[in-house]
Amino acid sequence: MKVLKKIDYNAPVVLSFAIVSFIALILAYITSGAVNTLLFSTYRFSMLSPMTYLRMFTHVLGHANWEHYSGNMMIILLIGPMLEEKYGSKKLLSLILLTAFITGAVNNLIFPNTALLGASGVAFMMIILGSVTSFRDGKIPLTLIVTVILYLGGQIADGLFARDNISQLTHILGGIIGGAYGVMAHGKGSYEA
């Protein structure tokens, strides 16, 4: 019991996101993926259906398999707590929801016949936001430049040349959202929501 009292739920948004995504993954296994189609992926559907709007947010919770889930969560659980501590839980949750909505809406507009699921847009938002956090005195951190080249540059190249089931556009949009918020927050001199 003493050990449990010492465990700190230190990043409630990040940890809750990982837990809910894990539950969604278990439900996907139990239902042979049906729950992903119903709740945890976004695709063009009737604009009159409330599910269309719900899925534009919940698609970031669904994952195709364990590898997909663990790859995204390793990044989110590594970078997310630092960002949640720096920017606050409300702001990080807002950024996750904004990333989910923008990536879902853009996917539905540009790729109407392609379902989108997974938290990679959120992971890329956190990667770039994490790189921006070291802005000081108007100087651009070299870590940001290298991260943008490696991660976003790689996604642009993959988008042009690779033919796979990975949405590079989602990664790029997530990175842009993280970078834009980081630059704006730095310019204001305030990180709290």
N, C-alpha and C. Protein backbone atom coordinates (compact mmCIF):
# COMPACT_ATOMS: atom_id res chain seq x y z
N MET A 1 0.82 -1.20 0.00
CA MET A 1 0.00 0.00 0.00
C MET A 1 0.86 1.26 0.00
N LYS A 2 1.98 1.24 0.71
CA LYS A 2 2.83 2.43 0.76
C LYS A 2 3.39 2.76 -0.61
N VAL A 3 3.67 1.73 -1.40
CA VAL A 3 4.20 1.95 -2.74
C VAL A 3 3.17 2.68 -3.60
N LEU A 4 1.90 2.28 -3.50
CA LEU A 4 0.85 2.92 -4.29
C LEU A 4 0.68 4.39 -3.91
N LYS A 5 0.89 4.72 -2.64
CA LYS A 5 0.77 6.11 -2.21
C LYS A 5 1.90 6.97 -2.76
N LYS A 6 3.00 6.35 -3.14
CA LYS A 6 4.15 7.10 -3.67
C LYS A 6 4.07 7.30 -5.18
N ILE A 7 3.16 6.60 -5.85
CA ILE A 7 3.02 6.74 -7.29
C ILE A 7 2.21 8.00 -7.58
N ASP A 8 2.76 8.85 -8.43
CA ASP A 8 2.15 10.14 -8.75
C ASP A 8 1.58 10.09 -10.16
N TYR A 9 0.32 10.43 -10.30
CA TYR A 9 -0.32 10.54 -11.62
C TYR A 9 0.10 11.89 -12.18
N ASN A 10 1.38 11.99 -12.54
CA ASN A 10 2.06 13.25 -12.78
C ASN A 10 1.63 14.00 -14.04
N ALA A 11 1.10 13.33 -15.00
CA ALA A 11 0.68 13.98 -16.25
C ALA A 11 -0.71 13.45 -16.59
N PRO A 12 -1.76 14.00 -15.96
CA PRO A 12 -3.09 13.42 -16.11
C PRO A 12 -3.61 13.37 -17.54
N VAL A 13 -3.35 14.38 -18.35
CA VAL A 13 -3.85 14.36 -19.73
C VAL A 13 -3.13 13.28 -20.53
N VAL A 14 -1.81 13.24 -20.43
CA VAL A 14 -1.02 12.28 -21.20
C VAL A 14 -1.32 10.85 -20.75
N LEU A 15 -1.34 10.62 -19.46
CA LEU A 15 -1.61 9.27 -18.95
C LEU A 15 -3.04 8.82 -19.29
N SER A 16 -3.99 9.72 -19.14
CA SER A 16 -5.38 9.37 -19.47
C SER A 16 -5.53 9.08 -20.96
N PHE A 17 -4.85 9.86 -21.79
CA PHE A 17 -4.86 9.62 -23.24
C PHE A 17 -4.32 8.23 -23.56
N ALA A 18 -3.21 7.87 -22.93
CA ALA A 18 -2.60 6.55 -23.17
C ALA A 18 -3.52 5.42 -22.68
N ILE A 19 -4.16 5.62 -21.54
CA ILE A 19 -5.04 4.59 -20.98
C ILE A 19 -6.29 4.41 -21.84
N VAL A 20 -6.92 5.52 -22.23
CA VAL A 20 -8.13 5.43 -23.06
C VAL A 20 -7.78 4.82 -24.42
N SER A 21 -6.62 5.18 -24.97
CA SER A 21 -6.19 4.57 -26.24
C SER A 21 -5.94 3.08 -26.09
N PHE A 22 -5.41 2.66 -24.95
CA PHE A 22 -5.19 1.24 -24.69
C PHE A 22 -6.53 0.50 -24.61
N ILE A 23 -7.50 1.10 -23.93
CA ILE A 23 -8.84 0.50 -23.84
C ILE A 23 -9.45 0.38 -25.24
N ALA A 24 -9.27 1.43 -26.07
CA ALA A 24 -9.78 1.39 -27.45
C ALA A 24 -9.10 0.26 -28.23
N LEU A 25 -7.81 0.05 -28.00
CA LEU A 25 -7.08 -1.03 -28.68
C LEU A 25 -7.62 -2.40 -28.27
N ILE A 26 -7.86 -2.59 -26.98
CA ILE A 26 -8.43 -3.86 -26.49
C ILE A 26 -9.81 -4.08 -27.11
N LEU A 27 -10.63 -3.03 -27.14
CA LEU A 27 -11.96 -3.15 -27.75
C LEU A 27 -11.86 -3.48 -29.24
N ALA A 28 -10.86 -2.93 -29.90
CA ALA A 28 -10.66 -3.24 -31.33
C ALA A 28 -10.31 -4.72 -31.52
N TYR A 29 -9.46 -5.24 -30.64
CA TYR A 29 -9.12 -6.67 -30.72
C TYR A 29 -10.36 -7.53 -30.46
N ILE A 30 -11.13 -7.18 -29.44
CA ILE A 30 -12.32 -7.95 -29.07
C ILE A 30 -13.36 -7.94 -30.20
N THR A 31 -13.50 -6.81 -30.87
CA THR A 31 -14.54 -6.67 -31.91
C THR A 31 -13.99 -6.88 -33.33
N SER A 32 -12.79 -7.40 -33.43
CA SER A 32 -12.13 -7.60 -34.74
C SER A 32 -12.10 -6.32 -35.56
N GLY A 33 -11.90 -5.21 -34.90
CA GLY A 33 -11.75 -3.92 -35.57
C GLY A 33 -13.02 -3.13 -35.78
N ALA A 34 -14.17 -3.71 -35.48
CA ALA A 34 -15.45 -3.02 -35.73
C ALA A 34 -15.55 -1.72 -34.94
N VAL A 35 -15.05 -1.70 -33.72
CA VAL A 35 -15.13 -0.48 -32.92
C VAL A 35 -14.27 0.64 -33.51
N ASN A 36 -13.18 0.26 -34.20
CA ASN A 36 -12.38 1.28 -34.86
C ASN A 36 -13.18 1.96 -35.96
N THR A 37 -13.91 1.18 -36.74
CA THR A 37 -14.73 1.75 -37.80
C THR A 37 -15.85 2.61 -37.24
N LEU A 38 -16.46 2.15 -36.17
CA LEU A 38 -17.59 2.86 -35.58
C LEU A 38 -17.16 4.13 -34.84
N LEU A 39 -16.11 4.05 -34.02
CA LEU A 39 -15.75 5.16 -33.13
C LEU A 39 -14.36 5.75 -33.30
N PHE A 40 -13.38 4.93 -33.67
CA PHE A 40 -11.98 5.36 -33.55
C PHE A 40 -11.25 5.52 -34.87
N SER A 41 -11.97 5.87 -35.91
CA SER A 41 -11.35 6.28 -37.17
C SER A 41 -12.28 7.29 -37.81
N THR A 42 -11.70 8.17 -38.59
CA THR A 42 -12.50 9.18 -39.27
C THR A 42 -12.42 8.97 -40.76
N TYR A 43 -13.52 9.21 -41.42
CA TYR A 43 -13.63 9.05 -42.86
C TYR A 43 -14.82 9.87 -43.30
N ARG A 44 -14.88 10.18 -44.59
CA ARG A 44 -15.99 11.01 -45.06
C ARG A 44 -17.29 10.23 -44.91
N PHE A 45 -18.22 10.87 -44.25
CA PHE A 45 -19.54 10.29 -44.01
C PHE A 45 -20.52 11.45 -44.08
N SER A 46 -21.76 11.19 -43.93
CA SER A 46 -22.77 12.23 -43.99
C SER A 46 -22.49 13.33 -42.97
N MET A 47 -22.53 14.57 -43.44
CA MET A 47 -22.33 15.72 -42.54
C MET A 47 -23.52 15.89 -41.59
N LEU A 48 -24.59 15.17 -41.83
CA LEU A 48 -25.75 15.22 -40.95
C LEU A 48 -25.61 14.26 -39.77
N SER A 49 -24.65 13.36 -39.85
CA SER A 49 -24.46 12.38 -38.78
C SER A 49 -23.58 12.95 -37.67
N PRO A 50 -24.07 12.93 -36.43
CA PRO A 50 -23.25 13.40 -35.32
C PRO A 50 -21.96 12.56 -35.15
N MET A 51 -21.99 11.31 -35.60
CA MET A 51 -20.82 10.44 -35.49
C MET A 51 -19.65 10.98 -36.33
N THR A 52 -19.95 11.64 -37.43
CA THR A 52 -18.90 12.22 -38.26
C THR A 52 -18.08 13.20 -37.45
N TYR A 53 -18.73 14.02 -36.68
CA TYR A 53 -18.05 15.04 -35.88
C TYR A 53 -17.33 14.43 -34.67
N LEU A 54 -17.97 13.45 -34.05
CA LEU A 54 -17.33 12.76 -32.93
C LEU A 54 -16.05 12.07 -33.38
N ARG A 55 -16.11 11.37 -34.51
CA ARG A 55 -14.94 10.64 -35.00
C ARG A 55 -13.79 11.55 -35.39
N MET A 56 -14.09 12.82 -35.72
CA MET A 56 -13.00 13.75 -36.04
C MET A 56 -12.13 14.02 -34.82
N PHE A 57 -12.62 13.70 -33.64
CA PHE A 57 -11.83 13.84 -32.42
C PHE A 57 -11.34 12.48 -31.91
N THR A 58 -12.18 11.46 -32.00
CA THR A 58 -11.85 10.17 -31.38
C THR A 58 -10.91 9.31 -32.21
N HIS A 59 -10.66 9.68 -33.47
CA HIS A 59 -9.78 8.86 -34.30
C HIS A 59 -8.37 8.78 -33.74
N VAL A 60 -7.96 9.75 -32.94
CA VAL A 60 -6.61 9.71 -32.36
C VAL A 60 -6.48 8.67 -31.26
N LEU A 61 -7.60 8.15 -30.79
CA LEU A 61 -7.57 7.13 -29.74
C LEU A 61 -7.45 5.71 -30.30
N GLY A 62 -7.82 5.52 -31.55
CA GLY A 62 -7.81 4.19 -32.16
C GLY A 62 -6.46 3.85 -32.79
N HIS A 63 -6.13 2.58 -32.78
CA HIS A 63 -4.89 2.09 -33.40
C HIS A 63 -5.15 0.75 -34.05
N ALA A 64 -4.43 0.50 -35.13
CA ALA A 64 -4.65 -0.72 -35.90
C ALA A 64 -4.18 -1.97 -35.17
N ASN A 65 -3.10 -1.85 -34.39
CA ASN A 65 -2.54 -3.01 -33.68
C ASN A 65 -1.60 -2.53 -32.58
N TRP A 66 -1.01 -3.49 -31.88
CA TRP A 66 -0.12 -3.19 -30.75
C TRP A 66 1.08 -2.35 -31.19
N GLU A 67 1.68 -2.67 -32.32
CA GLU A 67 2.86 -1.94 -32.79
C GLU A 67 2.51 -0.49 -33.07
N HIS A 68 1.38 -0.27 -33.70
CA HIS A 68 0.91 1.08 -34.00
C HIS A 68 0.70 1.85 -32.70
N TYR A 69 0.02 1.24 -31.75
CA TYR A 69 -0.24 1.86 -30.45
C TYR A 69 1.06 2.15 -29.71
N SER A 70 1.90 1.16 -29.57
CA SER A 70 3.10 1.33 -28.75
C SER A 70 4.07 2.34 -29.37
N GLY A 71 4.15 2.38 -30.71
CA GLY A 71 5.01 3.37 -31.35
C GLY A 71 4.58 4.79 -31.04
N ASN A 72 3.29 5.05 -31.14
CA ASN A 72 2.78 6.39 -30.82
C ASN A 72 2.89 6.70 -29.33
N MET A 73 2.54 5.75 -28.50
CA MET A 73 2.53 6.02 -27.05
C MET A 73 3.93 6.19 -26.48
N MET A 74 4.92 5.52 -27.06
CA MET A 74 6.28 5.72 -26.57
C MET A 74 6.70 7.18 -26.74
N ILE A 75 6.37 7.77 -27.86
CA ILE A 75 6.68 9.18 -28.09
C ILE A 75 5.85 10.06 -27.17
N ILE A 76 4.56 9.81 -27.11
CA ILE A 76 3.66 10.64 -26.30
C ILE A 76 4.01 10.57 -24.82
N LEU A 77 4.31 9.36 -24.33
CA LEU A 77 4.64 9.21 -22.91
C LEU A 77 6.04 9.73 -22.58
N LEU A 78 6.90 9.80 -23.56
CA LEU A 78 8.24 10.34 -23.34
C LEU A 78 8.24 11.86 -23.33
N ILE A 79 7.58 12.48 -24.28
CA ILE A 79 7.61 13.93 -24.43
C ILE A 79 6.45 14.61 -23.71
N GLY A 80 5.28 13.97 -23.71
CA GLY A 80 4.06 14.57 -23.18
C GLY A 80 4.13 15.10 -21.76
N PRO A 81 4.67 14.33 -20.80
CA PRO A 81 4.71 14.84 -19.43
C PRO A 81 5.50 16.15 -19.28
N MET A 82 6.59 16.28 -20.01
CA MET A 82 7.37 17.51 -19.97
C MET A 82 6.53 18.68 -20.51
N LEU A 83 5.81 18.44 -21.61
CA LEU A 83 4.98 19.48 -22.20
C LEU A 83 3.80 19.83 -21.30
N GLU A 84 3.22 18.82 -20.68
CA GLU A 84 2.09 19.07 -19.77
C GLU A 84 2.54 19.89 -18.57
N GLU A 85 3.72 19.61 -18.07
CA GLU A 85 4.26 20.39 -16.94
C GLU A 85 4.54 21.83 -17.37
N LYS A 86 5.09 22.01 -18.55
CA LYS A 86 5.47 23.36 -19.02
C LYS A 86 4.27 24.20 -19.42
N TYR A 87 3.35 23.62 -20.20
CA TYR A 87 2.24 24.40 -20.76
C TYR A 87 0.93 24.26 -19.98
N GLY A 88 0.84 23.25 -19.15
CA GLY A 88 -0.38 23.02 -18.38
C GLY A 88 -1.28 21.98 -19.03
N SER A 89 -2.06 21.30 -18.20
CA SER A 89 -2.93 20.23 -18.67
C SER A 89 -4.00 20.73 -19.63
N LYS A 90 -4.63 21.87 -19.32
CA LYS A 90 -5.69 22.39 -20.18
C LYS A 90 -5.16 22.74 -21.56
N LYS A 91 -4.03 23.39 -21.62
CA LYS A 91 -3.46 23.78 -22.91
C LYS A 91 -3.07 22.54 -23.71
N LEU A 92 -2.45 21.55 -23.08
CA LEU A 92 -2.05 20.35 -23.81
C LEU A 92 -3.28 19.60 -24.32
N LEU A 93 -4.31 19.50 -23.52
CA LEU A 93 -5.55 18.87 -23.97
C LEU A 93 -6.14 19.64 -25.15
N SER A 94 -6.12 20.97 -25.09
CA SER A 94 -6.61 21.78 -26.20
C SER A 94 -5.81 21.51 -27.47
N LEU A 95 -4.50 21.38 -27.35
CA LEU A 95 -3.65 21.10 -28.51
C LEU A 95 -3.91 19.71 -29.08
N ILE A 96 -4.15 18.74 -28.22
CA ILE A 96 -4.50 17.39 -28.68
C ILE A 96 -5.82 17.43 -29.45
N LEU A 97 -6.82 18.11 -28.89
CA LEU A 97 -8.13 18.20 -29.55
C LEU A 97 -8.03 18.96 -30.87
N LEU A 98 -7.26 20.04 -30.89
CA LEU A 98 -7.08 20.82 -32.12
C LEU A 98 -6.39 19.97 -33.19
N THR A 99 -5.36 19.25 -32.79
CA THR A 99 -4.65 18.37 -33.73
C THR A 99 -5.58 17.29 -34.26
N ALA A 100 -6.36 16.68 -33.38
CA ALA A 100 -7.31 15.65 -33.81
C ALA A 100 -8.29 16.21 -34.82
N PHE A 101 -8.88 17.36 -34.51
CA PHE A 101 -9.89 17.94 -35.39
C PHE A 101 -9.30 18.33 -36.75
N ILE A 102 -8.18 19.02 -36.74
CA ILE A 102 -7.59 19.48 -38.01
C ILE A 102 -7.17 18.29 -38.86
N THR A 103 -6.49 17.32 -38.27
CA THR A 103 -6.05 16.17 -39.07
C THR A 103 -7.24 15.36 -39.58
N GLY A 104 -8.26 15.22 -38.75
CA GLY A 104 -9.46 14.50 -39.17
C GLY A 104 -10.20 15.23 -40.29
N ALA A 105 -10.38 16.53 -40.13
CA ALA A 105 -11.10 17.31 -41.14
C ALA A 105 -10.34 17.33 -42.47
N VAL A 106 -9.03 17.54 -42.41
CA VAL A 106 -8.23 17.57 -43.64
C VAL A 106 -8.25 16.21 -44.33
N ASN A 107 -8.13 15.14 -43.55
CA ASN A 107 -8.19 13.80 -44.14
C ASN A 107 -9.53 13.58 -44.84
N ASN A 108 -10.62 13.98 -44.20
CA ASN A 108 -11.94 13.79 -44.79
C ASN A 108 -12.12 14.61 -46.07
N LEU A 109 -11.49 15.78 -46.14
CA LEU A 109 -11.61 16.62 -47.33
C LEU A 109 -10.72 16.15 -48.48
N ILE A 110 -9.48 15.82 -48.15
CA ILE A 110 -8.50 15.50 -49.20
C ILE A 110 -8.52 14.02 -49.60
N PHE A 111 -8.74 13.16 -48.62
CA PHE A 111 -8.74 11.71 -48.88
C PHE A 111 -10.09 11.12 -48.47
N PRO A 112 -11.15 11.39 -49.24
CA PRO A 112 -12.50 11.00 -48.83
C PRO A 112 -12.72 9.49 -48.72
N ASN A 113 -11.91 8.71 -49.40
CA ASN A 113 -12.10 7.25 -49.36
C ASN A 113 -11.11 6.55 -48.44
N THR A 114 -10.42 7.32 -47.60
CA THR A 114 -9.40 6.74 -46.73
C THR A 114 -9.75 7.02 -45.27
N ALA A 115 -9.82 5.96 -44.48
CA ALA A 115 -10.06 6.11 -43.04
C ALA A 115 -8.73 6.47 -42.35
N LEU A 116 -8.83 7.28 -41.33
CA LEU A 116 -7.65 7.71 -40.57
C LEU A 116 -7.84 7.33 -39.12
N LEU A 117 -6.84 6.66 -38.54
CA LEU A 117 -6.87 6.39 -37.11
C LEU A 117 -5.45 6.40 -36.58
N GLY A 118 -5.34 6.72 -35.31
CA GLY A 118 -4.04 6.72 -34.66
C GLY A 118 -3.64 8.08 -34.16
N ALA A 119 -2.67 8.07 -33.25
CA ALA A 119 -2.23 9.29 -32.56
C ALA A 119 -0.94 9.85 -33.12
N SER A 120 -0.57 9.51 -34.34
CA SER A 120 0.71 9.98 -34.85
C SER A 120 0.72 11.49 -35.08
N GLY A 121 -0.40 12.08 -35.43
CA GLY A 121 -0.45 13.54 -35.54
C GLY A 121 -0.20 14.20 -34.20
N VAL A 122 -0.76 13.62 -33.15
CA VAL A 122 -0.53 14.12 -31.79
C VAL A 122 0.94 13.94 -31.40
N ALA A 123 1.50 12.78 -31.74
CA ALA A 123 2.91 12.53 -31.43
C ALA A 123 3.81 13.54 -32.13
N PHE A 124 3.55 13.81 -33.41
CA PHE A 124 4.37 14.79 -34.15
C PHE A 124 4.16 16.20 -33.60
N MET A 125 2.94 16.53 -33.19
CA MET A 125 2.70 17.83 -32.56
C MET A 125 3.59 17.97 -31.33
N MET A 126 3.67 16.91 -30.53
CA MET A 126 4.49 16.95 -29.31
C MET A 126 5.99 16.99 -29.63
N ILE A 127 6.41 16.27 -30.65
CA ILE A 127 7.83 16.27 -31.03
C ILE A 127 8.28 17.69 -31.38
N ILE A 128 7.52 18.36 -32.24
CA ILE A 128 7.92 19.70 -32.67
C ILE A 128 7.72 20.71 -31.54
N LEU A 129 6.63 20.61 -30.80
CA LEU A 129 6.42 21.51 -29.66
C LEU A 129 7.54 21.34 -28.64
N GLY A 130 7.96 20.11 -28.41
CA GLY A 130 9.08 19.86 -27.49
C GLY A 130 10.37 20.51 -27.96
N SER A 131 10.57 20.54 -29.26
CA SER A 131 11.77 21.17 -29.81
C SER A 131 11.72 22.69 -29.72
N VAL A 132 10.52 23.25 -29.79
CA VAL A 132 10.36 24.70 -29.74
C VAL A 132 10.50 25.23 -28.32
N THR A 133 10.31 24.39 -27.33
CA THR A 133 10.30 24.88 -25.94
C THR A 133 11.62 25.49 -25.50
N SER A 134 12.70 25.28 -26.23
CA SER A 134 13.98 25.85 -25.80
C SER A 134 14.30 27.17 -26.50
N PHE A 135 13.30 27.83 -27.09
CA PHE A 135 13.51 29.17 -27.65
C PHE A 135 13.96 30.11 -26.55
N ARG A 136 14.99 30.88 -26.81
CA ARG A 136 15.45 31.89 -25.84
C ARG A 136 15.93 33.12 -26.59
N ASP A 137 15.57 34.28 -26.10
CA ASP A 137 16.09 35.55 -26.59
C ASP A 137 16.07 35.66 -28.11
N GLY A 138 15.00 35.19 -28.74
CA GLY A 138 14.87 35.33 -30.18
C GLY A 138 15.76 34.42 -31.00
N LYS A 139 16.49 33.51 -30.36
CA LYS A 139 17.36 32.59 -31.09
C LYS A 139 16.61 31.31 -31.40
N ILE A 140 16.87 30.77 -32.58
CA ILE A 140 16.23 29.52 -32.99
C ILE A 140 17.14 28.37 -32.55
N PRO A 141 16.61 27.45 -31.72
CA PRO A 141 17.44 26.34 -31.26
C PRO A 141 17.81 25.39 -32.41
N LEU A 142 19.06 24.99 -32.45
CA LEU A 142 19.51 24.04 -33.46
C LEU A 142 18.74 22.74 -33.36
N THR A 143 18.35 22.35 -32.14
CA THR A 143 17.57 21.11 -31.98
C THR A 143 16.25 21.18 -32.75
N LEU A 144 15.64 22.37 -32.80
CA LEU A 144 14.41 22.53 -33.57
C LEU A 144 14.68 22.32 -35.06
N ILE A 145 15.73 22.93 -35.56
CA ILE A 145 16.06 22.80 -36.98
C ILE A 145 16.32 21.35 -37.35
N VAL A 146 17.11 20.67 -36.53
CA VAL A 146 17.43 19.26 -36.81
C VAL A 146 16.18 18.39 -36.73
N THR A 147 15.35 18.64 -35.72
CA THR A 147 14.11 17.87 -35.56
C THR A 147 13.18 18.07 -36.75
N VAL A 148 13.02 19.31 -37.18
CA VAL A 148 12.15 19.58 -38.32
C VAL A 148 12.69 18.89 -39.57
N ILE A 149 14.01 18.96 -39.77
CA ILE A 149 14.59 18.31 -40.95
C ILE A 149 14.39 16.80 -40.89
N LEU A 150 14.69 16.20 -39.73
CA LEU A 150 14.60 14.75 -39.61
C LEU A 150 13.16 14.24 -39.66
N TYR A 151 12.30 14.84 -38.86
CA TYR A 151 10.94 14.33 -38.76
C TYR A 151 10.04 14.84 -39.88
N LEU A 152 9.89 16.14 -39.99
CA LEU A 152 8.97 16.66 -41.00
C LEU A 152 9.54 16.51 -42.40
N GLY A 153 10.83 16.74 -42.56
CA GLY A 153 11.45 16.54 -43.87
C GLY A 153 11.31 15.10 -44.33
N GLY A 154 11.50 14.17 -43.42
CA GLY A 154 11.32 12.76 -43.74
C GLY A 154 9.89 12.44 -44.13
N GLN A 155 8.93 13.09 -43.49
CA GLN A 155 7.52 12.85 -43.81
C GLN A 155 7.17 13.42 -45.18
N ILE A 156 7.74 14.58 -45.51
CA ILE A 156 7.50 15.16 -46.83
C ILE A 156 8.07 14.23 -47.90
N ALA A 157 9.29 13.75 -47.69
CA ALA A 157 9.90 12.83 -48.65
C ALA A 157 9.08 11.54 -48.77
N ASP A 158 8.66 10.99 -47.64
CA ASP A 158 7.83 9.78 -47.68
C ASP A 158 6.51 10.03 -48.39
N GLY A 159 5.93 11.20 -48.16
CA GLY A 159 4.67 11.54 -48.81
C GLY A 159 4.80 11.60 -50.33
N LEU A 160 5.97 12.03 -50.79
CA LEU A 160 6.20 12.14 -52.23
C LEU A 160 6.56 10.80 -52.86
N PHE A 161 7.29 9.96 -52.13
CA PHE A 161 7.86 8.76 -52.75
C PHE A 161 7.35 7.43 -52.20
N ALA A 162 6.91 7.38 -50.96
CA ALA A 162 6.48 6.11 -50.37
C ALA A 162 5.02 5.85 -50.68
N ARG A 163 4.68 4.62 -50.85
CA ARG A 163 3.29 4.20 -51.03
C ARG A 163 2.98 3.21 -49.92
N ASP A 164 2.49 3.75 -48.81
CA ASP A 164 2.20 2.91 -47.66
C ASP A 164 0.89 3.36 -47.03
N ASN A 165 0.54 2.78 -45.91
CA ASN A 165 -0.70 3.12 -45.23
C ASN A 165 -0.48 4.16 -44.13
N ILE A 166 0.56 4.96 -44.25
CA ILE A 166 0.88 5.96 -43.24
C ILE A 166 0.50 7.32 -43.78
N SER A 167 -0.20 8.10 -42.97
CA SER A 167 -0.62 9.43 -43.40
C SER A 167 0.46 10.45 -43.04
N GLN A 168 1.36 10.69 -43.97
CA GLN A 168 2.41 11.67 -43.74
C GLN A 168 1.82 13.06 -43.55
N LEU A 169 0.70 13.35 -44.23
CA LEU A 169 0.06 14.65 -44.08
C LEU A 169 -0.36 14.88 -42.63
N THR A 170 -0.85 13.83 -41.98
CA THR A 170 -1.23 13.95 -40.57
C THR A 170 -0.02 14.29 -39.72
N HIS A 171 1.11 13.66 -40.00
CA HIS A 171 2.34 13.95 -39.25
C HIS A 171 2.76 15.40 -39.47
N ILE A 172 2.72 15.83 -40.72
CA ILE A 172 3.13 17.20 -41.05
C ILE A 172 2.20 18.21 -40.38
N LEU A 173 0.89 17.98 -40.46
CA LEU A 173 -0.06 18.89 -39.82
C LEU A 173 0.14 18.94 -38.30
N GLY A 174 0.35 17.78 -37.68
CA GLY A 174 0.62 17.76 -36.24
C GLY A 174 1.86 18.56 -35.90
N GLY A 175 2.93 18.39 -36.69
CA GLY A 175 4.16 19.15 -36.46
C GLY A 175 3.95 20.64 -36.61
N ILE A 176 3.18 21.04 -37.62
CA ILE A 176 2.90 22.47 -37.83
C ILE A 176 2.12 23.04 -36.65
N ILE A 177 1.14 22.31 -36.15
CA ILE A 177 0.35 22.77 -35.01
C ILE A 177 1.25 22.95 -33.78
N GLY A 178 2.09 21.94 -33.50
CA GLY A 178 3.00 22.03 -32.36
C GLY A 178 3.97 23.19 -32.50
N GLY A 179 4.55 23.34 -33.68
CA GLY A 179 5.51 24.41 -33.90
C GLY A 179 4.86 25.78 -33.81
N ALA A 180 3.69 25.93 -34.42
CA ALA A 180 2.99 27.22 -34.41
C ALA A 180 2.62 27.62 -32.99
N TYR A 181 2.08 26.67 -32.21
CA TYR A 181 1.74 27.01 -30.84
C TYR A 181 2.99 27.37 -30.03
N GLY A 182 4.05 26.59 -30.19
CA GLY A 182 5.28 26.87 -29.45
C GLY A 182 5.84 28.24 -29.74
N VAL A 183 5.84 28.64 -31.01
CA VAL A 183 6.34 29.96 -31.39
C VAL A 183 5.43 31.05 -30.83
N MET A 184 4.11 30.86 -30.93
CA MET A 184 3.17 31.86 -30.40
C MET A 184 3.29 31.98 -28.89
N ALA A 185 3.37 30.85 -28.19
CA ALA A 185 3.48 30.88 -26.74
C ALA A 185 4.77 31.54 -26.31
N HIS A 186 5.84 31.28 -27.02
CA HIS A 186 7.12 31.89 -26.69
C HIS A 186 7.05 33.40 -26.89
N GLY A 187 6.39 33.81 -27.97
CA GLY A 187 6.27 35.24 -28.26
C GLY A 187 5.49 35.99 -27.21
N LYS A 188 4.51 35.31 -26.61
CA LYS A 188 3.71 35.93 -25.55
C LYS A 188 4.45 35.93 -24.22
N GLY A 189 5.45 35.06 -24.08
CA GLY A 189 6.17 34.97 -22.82
C GLY A 189 5.40 34.24 -21.74
N SER A 190 4.30 33.59 -22.12
CA SER A 190 3.47 32.89 -21.14
C SER A 190 3.16 31.51 -21.67
N TYR A 191 3.16 30.54 -20.78
CA TYR A 191 2.91 29.16 -21.18
C TYR A 191 1.63 28.59 -20.60
N GLU A 192 1.05 29.25 -19.64
CA GLU A 192 -0.13 28.71 -18.99
C GLU A 192 -1.39 29.03 -19.79
N ALA A 193 -2.33 28.12 -19.74
CA ALA A 193 -3.60 28.30 -20.47
C ALA A 193 -4.49 29.27 -19.76
